[in-house]
Amino acid sequence: MNKKYFVFKIVFCIFLFGINKSSIPVIAQEKLTGHWIARQVFDRNRGGNSFSTATMVLVNKNGKKNTRVFKNLRIREQGFEKQLIRFTSPADIDGTGFLTIEKTGYETDQFLYLPALRRTRRIVSSQKSQQFVNSDFTYEDMERHPVENYIYDLKGEKIVENIDCYLLETRPQKTISSQYSLMKSVISKASFVPIFAEYFDQKGKHIKTYKVLKLELKQNIWTESIVMMEDILKKHKTFIKLQDIEYNTNITSDQFSKVALENY
């Protein structure tokens, strides 16, 4: 999905992160490996920066909905990304901010600002499996992951909802700490965007499902306009829908710092 993680991660996210099909070169068969596909996902064009507004809808097992609005700034410099997410409504989450900063080796610093407490806390490694603002995305889902940290197995090809796709299984290297033992992904050949993924815990149980519900070309960049993450065990879902997005704007690096995070 130049990137490091599956992205909301999205997200966001999150929150997570185009190529025209006609511009894709003919791939020599010997190059078609799981690792090669993962590299295309990681390196795909997402612009030098972006600014977006989106809604997040949490749906519990009884169908009750909780809607939030947030803004997302992202910048890529020298191959590394920084991202700042700021919730603007409703009142109980207004001002809450989340900052991610990639460093050499694609290690990622994550900081969560809680306006009610007027303080910022760093998300440490032991907290990466926790929920991000009570959504079905975890802090691990909210960062990019280096291609070299995983083992890939290309399981075949399949047409999914009229999209020609690769089927890819991903497992963390033994030295990598992750809440997931396996991720099964469906990746668009045209855009190298993962449009569907299943996540399995350390016992091999299917615990979460991710799906891109709408994929569009925005400023000639493939963009996930609506995504969904479902917690199978809790029967809880999180939907993220882009209201608008602009790529390659006048965003600057100084907008991504702890000072900027707390300045709301």
C-alpha atoms as a PDB file:
ATOM      1  CA  MET A   1       0.000   0.000   0.000  1.00  0.00           C
ATOM      2  CA  ASN A   2       6.685   4.234  -0.149  1.00  0.00           C
ATOM      3  CA  LYS A   3       5.358   2.449   3.026  1.00  0.00           C
ATOM      4  CA  LYS A   4       5.946   0.041   5.763  1.00  0.00           C
ATOM      5  CA  TYR A   5       2.772  -1.295   7.086  1.00  0.00           C
ATOM      6  CA  PHE A   6      -0.531  -2.661   6.144  1.00  0.00           C
ATOM      7  CA  VAL A   7      -2.173  -0.003   6.705  1.00  0.00           C
ATOM      8  CA  PHE A   8      -5.187   1.815   8.452  1.00  0.00           C
ATOM      9  CA  LYS A   9      -3.280   0.890   9.036  1.00  0.00           C
ATOM     10  CA  ILE A  10      -4.682   2.355   8.639  1.00  0.00           C
ATOM     11  CA  VAL A  11      -4.760   3.848   9.571  1.00  0.00           C
ATOM     12  CA  PHE A  12      -5.901   5.737   9.643  1.00  0.00           C
ATOM     13  CA  CYS A  13      -4.906   4.219  10.163  1.00  0.00           C
ATOM     14  CA  ILE A  14      -5.297   4.208  10.219  1.00  0.00           C
ATOM     15  CA  PHE A  15      -5.362   5.048   9.305  1.00  0.00           C
ATOM     16  CA  LEU A  16      -4.166   3.652   7.665  1.00  0.00           C
ATOM     17  CA  PHE A  17      -2.298   3.688   3.121  1.00  0.00           C
ATOM     18  CA  GLY A  18      -1.763   5.339  -7.617  1.00  0.00           C
ATOM     19  CA  ILE A  19      -0.813   3.295 -10.219  1.00  0.00           C
ATOM     20  CA  ASN A  20      -2.811   2.968 -13.418  1.00  0.00           C
ATOM     21  CA  LYS A  21      -3.184  -0.623 -14.525  1.00  0.00           C
ATOM     22  CA  SER A  22      -1.936   0.282 -17.987  1.00  0.00           C
ATOM     23  CA  SER A  23       1.335   1.565 -16.501  1.00  0.00           C
ATOM     24  CA  ILE A  24       2.251  -1.685 -14.725  1.00  0.00           C
ATOM     25  CA  PRO A  25       5.212  -3.406 -16.423  1.00  0.00           C
ATOM     26  CA  VAL A  26       5.105  -7.009 -17.521  1.00  0.00           C
ATOM     27  CA  ILE A  27       6.361  -9.070 -14.588  1.00  0.00           C
ATOM     28  CA  ALA A  28       8.876 -11.799 -15.240  1.00  0.00           C
ATOM     29  CA  GLN A  29       7.667 -15.017 -13.635  1.00  0.00           C
ATOM     30  CA  GLU A  30      10.842 -15.460 -11.581  1.00  0.00           C
ATOM     31  CA  LYS A  31      10.206 -12.087  -9.899  1.00  0.00           C
ATOM     32  CA  LEU A  32       6.657 -12.957  -8.865  1.00  0.00           C
ATOM     33  CA  THR A  33       7.236 -13.894  -5.237  1.00  0.00           C
ATOM     34  CA  GLY A  34       5.435 -13.046  -2.042  1.00  0.00           C
ATOM     35  CA  HIS A  35       8.320 -10.843  -0.959  1.00  0.00           C
ATOM     36  CA  TRP A  36       8.256  -8.932  -4.261  1.00  0.00           C
ATOM     37  CA  ILE A  37       4.504  -8.312  -3.932  1.00  0.00           C
ATOM     38  CA  ALA A  38       4.931  -7.132  -0.334  1.00  0.00           C
ATOM     39  CA  ARG A  39       7.604  -4.708  -1.510  1.00  0.00           C
ATOM     40  CA  GLN A  40       5.229  -3.248  -4.132  1.00  0.00           C
ATOM     41  CA  VAL A  41       2.580  -2.778  -1.437  1.00  0.00           C
ATOM     42  CA  PHE A  42       5.092  -1.065   0.819  1.00  0.00           C
ATOM     43  CA  ASP A  43       6.497   1.190  -1.925  1.00  0.00           C
ATOM     44  CA  ARG A  44       3.300   2.127  -3.744  1.00  0.00           C
ATOM     45  CA  ASN A  45       2.656   5.775  -4.492  1.00  0.00           C
ATOM     46  CA  ARG A  46       0.789   7.575  -1.705  1.00  0.00           C
ATOM     47  CA  GLY A  47       2.071  11.057  -2.421  1.00  0.00           C
ATOM     48  CA  GLY A  48       4.693  13.049  -0.579  1.00  0.00           C
ATOM     49  CA  ASN A  49       2.081  14.121   1.941  1.00  0.00           C
ATOM     50  CA  SER A  50      -1.659  14.247   2.444  1.00  0.00           C
ATOM     51  CA  PHE A  51      -4.356  16.002   4.444  1.00  0.00           C
ATOM     52  CA  SER A  52      -7.722  14.350   4.981  1.00  0.00           C
ATOM     53  CA  THR A  53     -10.908  14.513   7.008  1.00  0.00           C
ATOM     54  CA  ALA A  54     -12.746  11.320   7.866  1.00  0.00           C
ATOM     55  CA  THR A  55     -15.463   9.814  10.013  1.00  0.00           C
ATOM     56  CA  MET A  56     -14.993   6.785  12.229  1.00  0.00           C
ATOM     57  CA  VAL A  57     -18.091   4.784  13.090  1.00  0.00           C
ATOM     58  CA  LEU A  58     -17.978   2.181  15.864  1.00  0.00           C
ATOM     59  CA  VAL A  59     -20.742  -0.446  15.719  1.00  0.00           C
ATOM     60  CA  ASN A  60     -21.263  -2.835  18.629  1.00  0.00           C
ATOM     61  CA  LYS A  61     -22.831  -6.296  18.519  1.00  0.00           C
ATOM     62  CA  ASN A  62     -26.280  -4.806  19.082  1.00  0.00           C
ATOM     63  CA  GLY A  63     -25.926  -2.431  16.150  1.00  0.00           C
ATOM     64  CA  LYS A  64     -25.471   0.699  18.281  1.00  0.00           C
ATOM     65  CA  LYS A  65     -23.326   3.284  16.499  1.00  0.00           C
ATOM     66  CA  ASN A  66     -20.843   5.816  17.818  1.00  0.00           C
ATOM     67  CA  THR A  67     -19.602   8.332  15.243  1.00  0.00           C
ATOM     68  CA  ARG A  68     -16.409  10.394  15.441  1.00  0.00           C
ATOM     69  CA  VAL A  69     -14.732  12.887  13.133  1.00  0.00           C
ATOM     70  CA  PHE A  70     -10.977  13.297  12.768  1.00  0.00           C
ATOM     71  CA  LYS A  71      -8.364  15.034  10.640  1.00  0.00           C
ATOM     72  CA  ASN A  72      -5.245  13.269   9.430  1.00  0.00           C
ATOM     73  CA  LEU A  73      -1.962  14.835   8.324  1.00  0.00           C
ATOM     74  CA  ARG A  74       0.787  12.674   6.849  1.00  0.00           C
ATOM     75  CA  ILE A  75       4.192  13.475   5.391  1.00  0.00           C
ATOM     76  CA  ARG A  76       6.999  11.356   3.907  1.00  0.00           C
ATOM     77  CA  GLU A  77      10.574  12.593   3.991  1.00  0.00           C
ATOM     78  CA  GLN A  78      13.632  10.568   2.949  1.00  0.00           C
ATOM     79  CA  GLY A  79      11.510   7.407   2.971  1.00  0.00           C
ATOM     80  CA  PHE A  80      10.179   7.847   6.506  1.00  0.00           C
ATOM     81  CA  GLU A  81       6.665   8.892   7.451  1.00  0.00           C
ATOM     82  CA  LYS A  82       5.111  11.047  10.134  1.00  0.00           C
ATOM     83  CA  GLN A  83       1.393  11.175  10.860  1.00  0.00           C
ATOM     84  CA  LEU A  84      -0.808  13.268  13.123  1.00  0.00           C
ATOM     85  CA  ILE A  85      -4.440  12.333  13.735  1.00  0.00           C
ATOM     86  CA  ARG A  86      -6.684  14.805  15.559  1.00  0.00           C
ATOM     87  CA  PHE A  87     -10.256  14.005  16.639  1.00  0.00           C
ATOM     88  CA  THR A  88     -12.627  16.976  16.448  1.00  0.00           C
ATOM     89  CA  SER A  89     -15.957  15.490  17.562  1.00  0.00           C
ATOM     90  CA  PRO A  90     -17.928  14.471  19.537  1.00  0.00           C
ATOM     91  CA  ALA A  91     -17.111  16.473  22.648  1.00  0.00           C
ATOM     92  CA  ASP A  92     -15.866  13.517  24.697  1.00  0.00           C
ATOM     93  CA  ILE A  93     -12.989  12.891  22.265  1.00  0.00           C
ATOM     94  CA  ASP A  94     -12.498  16.396  20.861  1.00  0.00           C
ATOM     95  CA  GLY A  95      -8.802  17.329  20.865  1.00  0.00           C
ATOM     96  CA  THR A  96      -7.492  13.800  21.338  1.00  0.00           C
ATOM     97  CA  GLY A  97      -4.418  13.454  19.156  1.00  0.00           C
ATOM     98  CA  PHE A  98      -2.201  10.656  17.947  1.00  0.00           C
ATOM     99  CA  LEU A  99       1.303  11.146  16.558  1.00  0.00           C
ATOM    100  CA  THR A 100       3.518   8.569  14.838  1.00  0.00           C
ATOM    101  CA  ILE A 101       7.106   9.233  13.837  1.00  0.00           C
ATOM    102  CA  GLU A 102       9.183   6.700  11.911  1.00  0.00           C
ATOM    103  CA  LYS A 103      12.897   6.479  12.577  1.00  0.00           C
ATOM    104  CA  THR A 104      15.889   4.699  11.052  1.00  0.00           C
ATOM    105  CA  GLY A 105      15.068   1.020  10.668  1.00  0.00           C
ATOM    106  CA  TYR A 106      11.387   1.969  10.516  1.00  0.00           C
ATOM    107  CA  GLU A 107      11.066   1.849  14.261  1.00  0.00           C
ATOM    108  CA  THR A 108       8.069   3.961  15.174  1.00  0.00           C
ATOM    109  CA  ASP A 109       7.469   6.315  18.075  1.00  0.00           C
ATOM    110  CA  GLN A 110       3.780   6.691  18.952  1.00  0.00           C
ATOM    111  CA  PHE A 111       2.302   9.351  21.231  1.00  0.00           C
ATOM    112  CA  LEU A 112      -1.297   9.778  22.410  1.00  0.00           C
ATOM    113  CA  TYR A 113      -2.462  13.173  23.671  1.00  0.00           C
ATOM    114  CA  LEU A 114      -5.456  13.252  26.018  1.00  0.00           C
ATOM    115  CA  PRO A 115      -6.783  16.820  26.434  1.00  0.00           C
ATOM    116  CA  ALA A 116      -8.785  15.965  29.561  1.00  0.00           C
ATOM    117  CA  LEU A 117      -5.527  15.055  31.308  1.00  0.00           C
ATOM    118  CA  ARG A 118      -3.501  17.708  29.469  1.00  0.00           C
ATOM    119  CA  ARG A 119      -0.699  15.261  28.928  1.00  0.00           C
ATOM    120  CA  THR A 120       0.910  13.079  26.290  1.00  0.00           C
ATOM    121  CA  ARG A 121       1.798   9.457  26.856  1.00  0.00           C
ATOM    122  CA  ARG A 122       4.116   7.366  24.764  1.00  0.00           C
ATOM    123  CA  ILE A 123       2.817   4.034  23.493  1.00  0.00           C
ATOM    124  CA  VAL A 124       5.415   1.439  24.456  1.00  0.00           C
ATOM    125  CA  SER A 125       5.939  -1.941  22.767  1.00  0.00           C
ATOM    126  CA  SER A 126       3.904  -3.837  25.373  1.00  0.00           C
ATOM    127  CA  GLN A 127       0.878  -1.633  24.578  1.00  0.00           C
ATOM    128  CA  LYS A 128       0.900  -2.090  20.783  1.00  0.00           C
ATOM    129  CA  SER A 129      -1.796  -4.787  20.941  1.00  0.00           C
ATOM    130  CA  GLN A 130      -4.208  -2.460  22.763  1.00  0.00           C
ATOM    131  CA  GLN A 131      -7.136  -0.798  21.019  1.00  0.00           C
ATOM    132  CA  PHE A 132      -6.638   2.572  19.406  1.00  0.00           C
ATOM    133  CA  VAL A 133      -9.247   4.931  20.971  1.00  0.00           C
ATOM    134  CA  ASN A 134     -11.572   1.945  21.586  1.00  0.00           C
ATOM    135  CA  SER A 135     -11.744   1.082  17.899  1.00  0.00           C
ATOM    136  CA  ASP A 136     -11.054  -2.311  16.340  1.00  0.00           C
ATOM    137  CA  PHE A 137      -7.650  -1.098  15.172  1.00  0.00           C
ATOM    138  CA  THR A 138      -4.747  -1.606  17.540  1.00  0.00           C
ATOM    139  CA  TYR A 139      -1.641   0.542  17.878  1.00  0.00           C
ATOM    140  CA  GLU A 140       0.221  -2.148  15.935  1.00  0.00           C
ATOM    141  CA  ASP A 141      -2.270  -1.690  13.095  1.00  0.00           C
ATOM    142  CA  MET A 142      -1.577   2.039  13.144  1.00  0.00           C
ATOM    143  CA  GLU A 143       2.046   1.825  12.034  1.00  0.00           C
ATOM    144  CA  ARG A 144       3.886   0.655   8.941  1.00  0.00           C
ATOM    145  CA  HIS A 145       5.904  -2.558   9.141  1.00  0.00           C
ATOM    146  CA  PRO A 146       9.227  -3.180   7.338  1.00  0.00           C
ATOM    147  CA  VAL A 147       9.005  -5.774   4.590  1.00  0.00           C
ATOM    148  CA  GLU A 148      12.095  -7.550   5.953  1.00  0.00           C
ATOM    149  CA  ASN A 149      10.364  -8.218   9.290  1.00  0.00           C
ATOM    150  CA  TYR A 150       8.030 -10.794   7.724  1.00  0.00           C
ATOM    151  CA  ILE A 151       7.973 -14.054   5.782  1.00  0.00           C
ATOM    152  CA  TYR A 152       5.718 -14.169   2.715  1.00  0.00           C
ATOM    153  CA  ASP A 153       4.016 -16.979   0.890  1.00  0.00           C
ATOM    154  CA  LEU A 154       2.238 -16.319  -2.400  1.00  0.00           C
ATOM    155  CA  LYS A 155      -0.777 -18.645  -2.352  1.00  0.00           C
ATOM    156  CA  GLY A 156      -2.148 -17.913  -5.808  1.00  0.00           C
ATOM    157  CA  GLU A 157      -4.334 -15.462  -7.686  1.00  0.00           C
ATOM    158  CA  LYS A 158      -8.051 -14.782  -7.625  1.00  0.00           C
ATOM    159  CA  ILE A 159     -10.649 -12.382  -9.011  1.00  0.00           C
ATOM    160  CA  VAL A 160     -12.455 -10.728  -6.100  1.00  0.00           C
ATOM    161  CA  GLU A 161     -15.403  -8.437  -6.863  1.00  0.00           C
ATOM    162  CA  ASN A 162     -14.113  -8.009 -10.434  1.00  0.00           C
ATOM    163  CA  ILE A 163     -10.619  -7.114  -9.194  1.00  0.00           C
ATOM    164  CA  ASP A 164      -7.678  -9.297 -10.251  1.00  0.00           C
ATOM    165  CA  CYS A 165      -5.754 -10.075  -7.066  1.00  0.00           C
ATOM    166  CA  TYR A 166      -2.835 -11.877  -5.461  1.00  0.00           C
ATOM    167  CA  LEU A 167      -3.378 -14.066  -2.394  1.00  0.00           C
ATOM    168  CA  LEU A 168      -0.607 -13.508   0.140  1.00  0.00           C
ATOM    169  CA  GLU A 169       0.116 -15.036   3.543  1.00  0.00           C
ATOM    170  CA  THR A 170       2.352 -13.076   5.909  1.00  0.00           C
ATOM    171  CA  ARG A 171       4.046 -14.277   9.094  1.00  0.00           C
ATOM    172  CA  PRO A 172       6.355 -12.297  11.401  1.00  0.00           C
ATOM    173  CA  GLN A 173       9.977 -13.320  11.642  1.00  0.00           C
ATOM    174  CA  LYS A 174      10.813 -15.165  14.877  1.00  0.00           C
ATOM    175  CA  THR A 175      12.636 -12.089  16.185  1.00  0.00           C
ATOM    176  CA  ILE A 176       9.610  -9.825  15.655  1.00  0.00           C
ATOM    177  CA  SER A 177       7.043  -9.259  18.391  1.00  0.00           C
ATOM    178  CA  SER A 178       3.477  -9.172  17.068  1.00  0.00           C
ATOM    179  CA  GLN A 179      -0.008  -9.936  18.307  1.00  0.00           C
ATOM    180  CA  TYR A 180      -0.576 -11.777  15.014  1.00  0.00           C
ATOM    181  CA  SER A 181       0.848 -15.129  13.977  1.00  0.00           C
ATOM    182  CA  LEU A 182      -0.571 -14.931  10.443  1.00  0.00           C
ATOM    183  CA  MET A 183      -2.214 -12.447   8.079  1.00  0.00           C
ATOM    184  CA  LYS A 184      -3.993 -13.601   4.924  1.00  0.00           C
ATOM    185  CA  SER A 185      -4.286 -10.766   2.419  1.00  0.00           C
ATOM    186  CA  VAL A 186      -5.985 -10.193  -0.924  1.00  0.00           C
ATOM    187  CA  ILE A 187      -3.996  -7.613  -2.901  1.00  0.00           C
ATOM    188  CA  SER A 188      -5.114  -5.802  -6.038  1.00  0.00           C
ATOM    189  CA  LYS A 189      -2.725  -6.399  -8.945  1.00  0.00           C
ATOM    190  CA  ALA A 190      -3.536  -3.008 -10.458  1.00  0.00           C
ATOM    191  CA  SER A 191      -2.959  -0.857  -7.375  1.00  0.00           C
ATOM    192  CA  PHE A 192      -1.054  -3.096  -4.929  1.00  0.00           C
ATOM    193  CA  VAL A 193      -3.606  -2.125  -2.286  1.00  0.00           C
ATOM    194  CA  PRO A 194      -4.625  -4.887   0.162  1.00  0.00           C
ATOM    195  CA  ILE A 195      -8.405  -4.925  -0.242  1.00  0.00           C
ATOM    196  CA  PHE A 196      -9.108  -7.725   2.222  1.00  0.00           C
ATOM    197  CA  ALA A 197      -7.217  -9.297   5.117  1.00  0.00           C
ATOM    198  CA  GLU A 198      -7.768 -11.826   7.879  1.00  0.00           C
ATOM    199  CA  TYR A 199      -5.748 -11.672  11.100  1.00  0.00           C
ATOM    200  CA  PHE A 200      -4.916 -14.673  13.284  1.00  0.00           C
ATOM    201  CA  ASP A 201      -3.732 -14.630  16.888  1.00  0.00           C
ATOM    202  CA  GLN A 202      -0.788 -16.548  18.370  1.00  0.00           C
ATOM    203  CA  LYS A 203      -2.982 -19.643  18.759  1.00  0.00           C
ATOM    204  CA  GLY A 204      -3.915 -19.565  15.073  1.00  0.00           C
ATOM    205  CA  LYS A 205      -7.472 -18.347  15.664  1.00  0.00           C
ATOM    206  CA  HIS A 206      -9.071 -15.930  13.228  1.00  0.00           C
ATOM    207  CA  ILE A 207      -9.712 -12.818  15.316  1.00  0.00           C
ATOM    208  CA  LYS A 208     -10.140  -9.867  12.937  1.00  0.00           C
ATOM    209  CA  THR A 209     -11.107  -9.075   9.360  1.00  0.00           C
ATOM    210  CA  TYR A 210     -10.194  -5.965   7.374  1.00  0.00           C
ATOM    211  CA  LYS A 211     -11.897  -4.930   4.151  1.00  0.00           C
ATOM    212  CA  VAL A 212     -11.689  -2.023   1.726  1.00  0.00           C
ATOM    213  CA  LEU A 213     -15.284  -1.194   0.855  1.00  0.00           C
ATOM    214  CA  LYS A 214     -14.450   1.557  -1.632  1.00  0.00           C
ATOM    215  CA  LEU A 215     -11.231   2.102  -3.585  1.00  0.00           C
ATOM    216  CA  GLU A 216     -10.863   5.186  -5.776  1.00  0.00           C
ATOM    217  CA  LEU A 217      -8.299   7.113  -7.784  1.00  0.00           C
ATOM    218  CA  LYS A 218      -7.763  10.505  -6.137  1.00  0.00           C
ATOM    219  CA  GLN A 219      -5.260  12.787  -7.875  1.00  0.00           C
ATOM    220  CA  ASN A 220      -4.079   9.666  -9.714  1.00  0.00           C
ATOM    221  CA  ILE A 221      -3.347   7.913  -6.400  1.00  0.00           C
ATOM    222  CA  TRP A 222      -5.229   4.790  -5.364  1.00  0.00           C
ATOM    223  CA  THR A 223      -7.052   5.694  -2.163  1.00  0.00           C
ATOM    224  CA  GLU A 224      -9.042   3.580   0.299  1.00  0.00           C
ATOM    225  CA  SER A 225     -12.155   5.761   0.670  1.00  0.00           C
ATOM    226  CA  ILE A 226     -14.082   3.420   2.977  1.00  0.00           C
ATOM    227  CA  VAL A 227     -12.547   0.660   5.093  1.00  0.00           C
ATOM    228  CA  MET A 228     -13.842  -1.674   7.777  1.00  0.00           C
ATOM    229  CA  MET A 229     -12.143  -3.599  10.583  1.00  0.00           C
ATOM    230  CA  GLU A 230     -14.159  -6.249  12.414  1.00  0.00           C
ATOM    231  CA  ASP A 231     -13.330  -7.912  15.717  1.00  0.00           C
ATOM    232  CA  ILE A 232     -14.713 -11.428  15.216  1.00  0.00           C
ATOM    233  CA  LEU A 233     -14.691 -12.330  18.918  1.00  0.00           C
ATOM    234  CA  LYS A 234     -16.368  -9.158  20.184  1.00  0.00           C
ATOM    235  CA  LYS A 235     -18.684  -8.862  17.170  1.00  0.00           C
ATOM    236  CA  HIS A 236     -17.665  -5.224  16.926  1.00  0.00           C
ATOM    237  CA  LYS A 237     -16.872  -3.211  13.786  1.00  0.00           C
ATOM    238  CA  THR A 238     -15.081   0.016  12.960  1.00  0.00           C
ATOM    239  CA  PHE A 239     -15.768   1.852   9.708  1.00  0.00           C
ATOM    240  CA  ILE A 240     -13.593   4.702   8.445  1.00  0.00           C
ATOM    241  CA  LYS A 241     -14.904   6.860   5.600  1.00  0.00           C
ATOM    242  CA  LEU A 242     -12.932   9.635   3.935  1.00  0.00           C
ATOM    243  CA  GLN A 243     -14.876  12.858   3.582  1.00  0.00           C
ATOM    244  CA  ASP A 244     -12.095  14.520   1.593  1.00  0.00           C
ATOM    245  CA  ILE A 245      -8.377  14.126   0.942  1.00  0.00           C
ATOM    246  CA  GLU A 246      -5.705  16.250  -0.728  1.00  0.00           C
ATOM    247  CA  TYR A 247      -2.286  14.934  -1.717  1.00  0.00           C
ATOM    248  CA  ASN A 248       0.999  16.814  -2.117  1.00  0.00           C
ATOM    249  CA  THR A 249      -0.012  19.960  -0.242  1.00  0.00           C
ATOM    250  CA  ASN A 250       2.076  22.562   1.609  1.00  0.00           C
ATOM    251  CA  ILE A 251       2.336  20.453   4.788  1.00  0.00           C
ATOM    252  CA  THR A 252       5.682  20.900   6.558  1.00  0.00           C
ATOM    253  CA  SER A 253       7.675  18.677   8.903  1.00  0.00           C
ATOM    254  CA  ASP A 254       7.319  21.041  11.880  1.00  0.00           C
ATOM    255  CA  GLN A 255       3.613  20.166  12.026  1.00  0.00           C
ATOM    256  CA  PHE A 256       4.591  16.732  13.371  1.00  0.00           C
ATOM    257  CA  SER A 257       6.002  17.033  16.887  1.00  0.00           C
ATOM    258  CA  LYS A 258       4.952  16.610  20.513  1.00  0.00           C
ATOM    259  CA  VAL A 259       4.583  20.382  20.707  1.00  0.00           C
ATOM    260  CA  ALA A 260       2.221  20.353  17.700  1.00  0.00           C
ATOM    261  CA  LEU A 261       0.382  17.362  19.190  1.00  0.00           C
ATOM    262  CA  GLU A 262      -0.314  19.234  22.443  1.00  0.00           C
ATOM    263  CA  ASN A 263      -1.093  22.547  20.760  1.00  0.00           C
ATOM    264  CA  TYR A 264      -4.863  22.304  20.381  1.00  0.00           C
END
